[in-house]
Protein backbone atom coordinates (compact mmCIF):
# COMPACT_ATOMS: atom_id res chain seq x y z
CA MET A 1 -1.20 12.78 19.74
CA ASN A 2 -3.57 12.77 23.04
CA LEU A 3 -6.86 11.03 22.80
CA ARG A 4 -8.86 14.02 22.88
CA LEU A 5 -7.16 15.91 19.99
CA PHE A 6 -7.14 12.85 18.13
CA LEU A 7 -10.91 12.27 18.49
CA ALA A 8 -11.52 16.06 17.81
CA THR A 9 -9.61 16.01 14.68
CA THR A 10 -10.78 12.48 12.92
CA MET A 11 -13.87 13.84 11.58
CA ALA A 12 -12.21 16.43 9.42
CA ILE A 13 -8.98 14.11 8.08
CA ALA A 14 -10.83 13.32 4.58
CA SER A 15 -11.40 16.98 3.93
CA LEU A 16 -7.71 17.58 4.00
CA THR A 17 -6.58 14.77 1.58
CA ALA A 18 -4.81 15.42 -1.71
CA CYS A 19 -4.56 13.19 -4.66
CA ALA A 20 -3.31 9.54 -3.90
CA LYS A 21 -0.07 8.54 -5.58
CA PRO A 22 0.23 5.40 -7.47
CA MET A 23 1.38 2.52 -4.72
CA ALA A 24 2.47 -1.06 -5.42
CA ALA A 25 0.82 -2.89 -2.24
CA GLU A 26 -2.56 -4.22 -2.37
CA THR A 27 -4.90 -4.24 0.44
CA ALA A 28 -6.59 -7.18 2.35
CA LYS A 29 -9.51 -9.05 1.60
CA ALA A 30 -12.39 -8.44 3.74
CA ASP A 31 -13.29 -11.57 5.95
CA ALA A 32 -16.50 -12.49 7.83
CA LYS A 33 -16.60 -11.10 11.33
CA PRO A 34 -19.24 -11.06 14.12
CA ALA A 35 -22.46 -9.00 12.74
CA PRO A 36 -21.57 -5.01 14.00
CA VAL A 37 -24.15 -2.99 15.38
CA PRO A 38 -24.99 -0.03 13.19
CA ILE A 39 -25.16 2.61 15.27
CA ALA A 40 -26.93 5.06 13.03
CA ALA A 41 -30.09 3.04 13.25
CA ALA A 42 -31.77 3.84 16.68
CA ALA A 43 -33.52 0.51 17.49
CA ALA A 44 -30.24 -0.98 17.21
CA LYS A 45 -28.06 1.15 19.69
CA PRO A 46 -26.13 -0.93 22.23
CA VAL A 47 -27.97 -1.78 25.54
CA ALA A 48 -26.99 0.13 28.39
CA GLY A 49 -23.96 -1.16 30.27
CA SER A 50 -23.08 -3.69 27.64
CA PRO A 51 -19.32 -3.82 26.34
CA GLU A 52 -20.45 -2.00 23.07
CA ALA A 53 -22.24 0.73 25.13
CA ARG A 54 -19.05 1.24 27.48
CA ALA A 55 -17.04 1.69 24.28
CA ILE A 56 -19.12 4.35 22.82
CA ASP A 57 -19.16 6.13 25.87
CA ALA A 58 -15.75 6.33 26.55
CA LEU A 59 -15.09 7.85 23.24
CA HIS A 60 -18.43 10.29 23.90
CA LYS A 61 -16.17 11.41 27.06
CA ALA A 62 -13.39 12.71 24.78
CA ASN A 63 -15.52 14.00 22.30
CA PRO A 64 -19.39 13.76 22.50
CA GLN A 65 -19.67 14.87 18.76
CA LEU A 66 -18.30 11.94 17.49
CA LYS A 67 -20.40 9.47 15.32
CA VAL A 68 -19.67 5.95 15.76
CA ASP A 69 -20.71 4.26 12.41
CA ARG A 70 -20.32 0.62 13.63
CA VAL A 71 -19.26 -1.28 16.83
CA ALA A 72 -18.44 -4.85 17.25
CA ALA A 73 -16.49 -7.50 19.01
CA ALA A 74 -12.90 -6.96 18.35
CA PRO A 75 -10.87 -10.04 16.73
CA MET A 76 -8.64 -9.72 20.09
CA PRO A 77 -10.58 -10.99 23.48
CA GLY A 78 -11.26 -8.11 25.67
CA PHE A 79 -11.93 -5.48 23.14
CA ARG A 80 -14.74 -3.67 20.91
CA GLU A 81 -13.57 -2.63 17.32
CA LEU A 82 -15.35 0.77 16.34
CA ILE A 83 -15.39 2.97 12.92
CA VAL A 84 -14.99 6.41 13.42
CA ALA A 85 -14.78 8.89 10.75
CA GLY A 86 -13.53 6.34 8.32
CA GLN A 87 -10.83 4.85 11.28
CA THR A 88 -10.95 2.00 13.08
CA LEU A 89 -10.43 2.31 16.92
CA TYR A 90 -10.17 -0.44 19.86
CA VAL A 91 -11.55 0.10 22.87
CA SER A 92 -11.37 -2.43 25.99
CA ASP A 93 -14.37 -3.74 27.22
CA ASP A 94 -14.19 -1.98 30.51
CA GLY A 95 -13.82 1.36 28.47
CA ARG A 96 -10.58 2.16 29.81
CA TYR A 97 -8.39 1.71 26.99
CA VAL A 98 -8.51 3.02 23.34
CA MET A 99 -6.13 2.28 20.82
CA GLN A 100 -5.49 3.54 17.30
CA GLY A 101 -4.20 1.79 14.19
CA ASN A 102 -4.39 -1.35 12.28
CA LEU A 103 -4.72 -4.54 13.57
CA TYR A 104 -2.61 -7.06 12.01
CA ASP A 105 -2.91 -11.06 12.29
CA THR A 106 0.71 -12.35 11.96
CA VAL A 107 -0.56 -15.97 11.80
CA ALA A 108 -3.29 -15.45 9.06
CA LYS A 109 -1.14 -12.64 7.31
CA LYS A 110 -4.00 -10.23 6.98
CA ASP A 111 -4.84 -6.63 8.31
CA LEU A 112 -8.01 -7.20 10.14
CA SER A 113 -8.76 -3.58 10.53
CA GLU A 114 -8.87 -3.28 6.52
CA ALA A 115 -10.91 -6.29 6.30
CA THR A 116 -13.65 -4.42 8.60
CA MET A 117 -13.36 -1.32 6.67
CA SER A 118 -13.71 -3.23 3.45
CA ALA A 119 -17.18 -4.78 4.65
CA LEU A 120 -18.38 -1.31 5.61
CA ARG A 121 -17.64 0.00 2.20
CA ARG A 122 -19.41 -2.95 0.57
CA GLU A 123 -22.57 -2.39 2.53
CA GLU A 124 -22.44 1.28 2.22
CA LEU A 125 -21.57 1.53 -1.39
CA ALA A 126 -24.49 -0.88 -2.37
CA LYS A 127 -26.93 1.53 -0.70
CA VAL A 128 -25.87 4.13 -3.51
CA PRO A 129 -28.27 3.62 -6.74
CA ALA A 130 -26.88 3.99 -9.95
CA SER A 131 -29.18 7.18 -10.65
CA GLN A 132 -26.59 8.77 -8.14
CA ARG A 133 -23.21 7.89 -9.93
CA ILE A 134 -21.93 8.84 -13.31
CA VAL A 135 -21.62 5.63 -15.25
CA PHE A 136 -18.90 4.88 -17.73
CA ALA A 137 -19.70 1.00 -18.75
CA PRO A 138 -18.67 -1.45 -21.44
CA ALA A 139 -21.80 -3.62 -22.79
CA ASN A 140 -20.96 -6.42 -20.54
CA PRO A 141 -18.47 -5.71 -17.65
CA LYS A 142 -16.57 -8.22 -16.07
CA TYR A 143 -15.74 -5.87 -13.18
CA THR A 144 -17.40 -2.66 -11.98
CA VAL A 145 -15.53 -0.39 -9.76
CA SER A 146 -16.78 2.49 -7.55
CA VAL A 147 -14.54 5.64 -7.60
CA PHE A 148 -14.43 8.23 -5.51
CA THR A 149 -13.59 11.31 -7.75
CA ASP A 150 -12.50 14.99 -7.77
CA ILE A 151 -12.45 17.32 -10.96
CA GLN A 152 -9.59 19.06 -9.74
CA CYS A 153 -7.22 16.29 -8.73
CA GLY A 154 -4.38 15.30 -11.05
CA PHE A 155 -4.81 11.50 -10.68
CA CYS A 156 -8.22 11.52 -11.30
CA GLN A 157 -8.16 13.37 -14.42
CA LYS A 158 -5.58 10.90 -15.53
CA LEU A 159 -7.91 8.12 -14.77
CA HIS A 160 -10.81 9.85 -16.77
CA SER A 161 -8.50 10.36 -19.79
CA GLN A 162 -8.08 6.76 -19.95
CA ILE A 163 -11.88 5.78 -19.44
CA ALA A 164 -12.22 4.09 -23.05
CA GLN A 165 -9.28 1.81 -22.01
CA TYR A 166 -10.72 0.83 -18.73
CA ASN A 167 -13.98 -0.23 -20.70
CA ALA A 168 -11.91 -2.25 -23.07
CA GLN A 169 -10.67 -4.16 -20.41
CA GLY A 170 -13.92 -4.99 -19.20
CA ILE A 171 -14.06 -2.52 -16.06
CA ALA A 172 -17.44 -0.41 -15.81
CA VAL A 173 -16.38 2.83 -13.80
CA GLU A 174 -18.88 4.15 -11.67
CA TYR A 175 -18.09 7.56 -10.43
CA LEU A 176 -19.29 9.17 -6.73
CA ALA A 177 -18.42 12.83 -6.25
CA TYR A 178 -15.76 13.71 -3.79
CA PRO A 179 -14.97 17.33 -3.96
CA ARG A 180 -11.69 17.33 -1.85
CA MET A 181 -11.63 21.18 -1.10
CA GLY A 182 -14.79 20.88 0.90
CA PRO A 183 -18.53 22.11 1.08
CA ALA A 184 -17.52 25.81 0.61
CA SER A 185 -15.26 25.62 -2.21
CA ASP A 186 -15.72 26.27 -6.07
CA ASP A 187 -14.60 22.64 -6.52
CA PHE A 188 -17.97 21.74 -4.50
CA SER A 189 -20.23 23.75 -6.65
CA GLN A 190 -18.75 22.81 -9.73
CA MET A 191 -19.26 19.13 -8.80
CA GLU A 192 -22.70 20.04 -7.85
CA ALA A 193 -23.11 21.42 -11.56
CA VAL A 194 -21.61 18.32 -13.11
CA TRP A 195 -24.26 16.26 -11.30
CA CYS A 196 -27.17 18.65 -11.90
CA SER A 197 -26.42 18.59 -15.90
CA ALA A 198 -28.66 17.01 -18.17
CA ASP A 199 -25.67 15.25 -19.65
CA ARG A 200 -23.53 14.16 -16.51
CA GLY A 201 -20.96 12.07 -18.26
CA LYS A 202 -20.21 15.03 -20.92
CA ALA A 203 -20.23 17.54 -18.12
CA LEU A 204 -17.69 15.59 -15.88
CA THR A 205 -15.44 15.15 -18.88
CA ASP A 206 -15.38 18.80 -19.45
CA ALA A 207 -15.11 19.72 -16.02
CA LYS A 208 -11.73 17.37 -15.93
CA ASN A 209 -10.68 19.11 -19.01
CA GLY A 210 -10.80 22.64 -17.01
CA LYS A 211 -14.15 23.96 -18.54
CA ARG A 212 -16.39 25.57 -16.29
CA ILE A 213 -19.84 23.99 -15.81
CA SER A 214 -23.28 25.83 -15.66
CA ALA A 215 -26.30 23.84 -14.73
CA PRO A 216 -29.63 24.52 -12.78
CA ARG A 217 -29.27 23.94 -9.33
CA CYS A 218 -31.01 20.55 -8.26
CA SER A 219 -31.30 18.15 -5.39
CA SER A 220 -27.77 16.44 -6.06
CA PRO A 221 -26.37 13.69 -4.14
CA VAL A 222 -22.81 15.42 -3.92
CA ALA A 223 -23.05 16.55 -0.19
CA MET A 224 -24.04 12.89 0.55
CA GLU A 225 -21.22 11.20 -1.23
CA TYR A 226 -18.77 13.54 -0.06
CA ASP A 227 -19.69 12.66 3.60
CA LEU A 228 -19.88 8.83 2.57
CA GLY A 229 -16.31 9.18 1.40
CA GLN A 230 -15.23 10.34 4.80
CA ARG A 231 -17.11 7.57 6.50
CA LEU A 232 -15.41 5.02 4.31
CA GLY A 233 -11.85 5.83 5.02
CA LEU A 234 -10.96 7.93 2.07
CA THR A 235 -7.08 9.04 2.29
CA GLY A 236 -6.91 10.43 -1.40
CA THR A 237 -8.51 10.71 -4.65
CA PRO A 238 -9.39 8.71 -6.59
CA MET A 239 -10.33 6.11 -4.09
CA ILE A 240 -10.96 3.27 -6.19
CA VAL A 241 -13.40 0.38 -4.55
CA ALA A 242 -13.88 -3.15 -5.90
CA PRO A 243 -17.21 -5.10 -5.82
CA ASN A 244 -16.11 -6.73 -2.41
CA GLY A 245 -15.18 -3.22 -0.90
CA VAL A 246 -11.56 -3.77 -0.79
CA ALA A 247 -9.67 -0.14 -1.91
CA ALA A 248 -7.04 0.14 -4.38
CA PRO A 249 -3.50 1.59 -3.16
CA GLY A 250 -4.34 4.68 -5.19
CA TYR A 251 -4.48 5.34 -9.08
CA LEU A 252 -4.05 2.23 -11.36
CA ASP A 253 -3.66 2.53 -14.97
CA PRO A 254 -5.79 0.33 -17.04
CA SER A 255 -3.72 -2.67 -17.24
CA ARG A 256 -2.84 -2.75 -13.47
CA MET A 257 -6.44 -2.28 -12.54
CA LYS A 258 -7.52 -5.07 -14.38
CA GLN A 259 -4.58 -7.20 -12.67
CA TRP A 260 -5.62 -5.87 -9.33
CA LEU A 261 -9.25 -6.76 -9.94
CA ASP A 262 -8.20 -10.28 -11.13
CA SER A 263 -5.99 -10.57 -7.70
CA VAL A 264 -8.74 -9.44 -5.64
CA ALA A 265 -11.35 -11.51 -7.09
CA LYS A 266 -9.19 -14.69 -6.16
CA GLN A 267 -8.90 -13.82 -2.58
């Protein structure tokens, strides 16, 4: 795929994703890196002529509509690392070369690109208040996971059918909305109805059991959470995110999720 076509399609990738299948591989831990520049904040835009500014300009020459969420020095010399539409890109400091794909450190044996995405997930999810989530939690949870969910996704339905078992494992599940069929779909409007219901928990359970939800329109966070999922590298639902921003490889049953969280906590 040429660069122009890639950059033109990255912004729509997440809306085309299907339910994620269970996988065995685990993702890498987020490690400390040079402080990134959040481009969304106007005051924090890179200085003209800097390597960060040249990297952004290089992408905008291919697609001026691209939104760069983060830019920082890459782990390898001579490159900037950028997050665009939930993907990590590497641009040479002179703005000439662009590389797509994950950067792996063979000495440290870690996926450095995933570490960058984990840090972004951790920071951005911390901005979403509990009032905008649908929470199912035990009295004193050991772990809390953020889960981007869809009411029509089979693995999302399976996870929710076991919610009492996750809670019994000491895991609190905090749902965010990701209607994978997109903003113009019935899926999207039904998820808005869930979030606008007086009893969101019951409405979500009913919706995942195939029942139609009817509720007065409200100022719901569904559109914001859908956009957030795209920006955080969602490739399928459910996307399960640990407190440190590491994403699970897909659906995990209650016992495997507990094992995964124990493993992530030790990293």
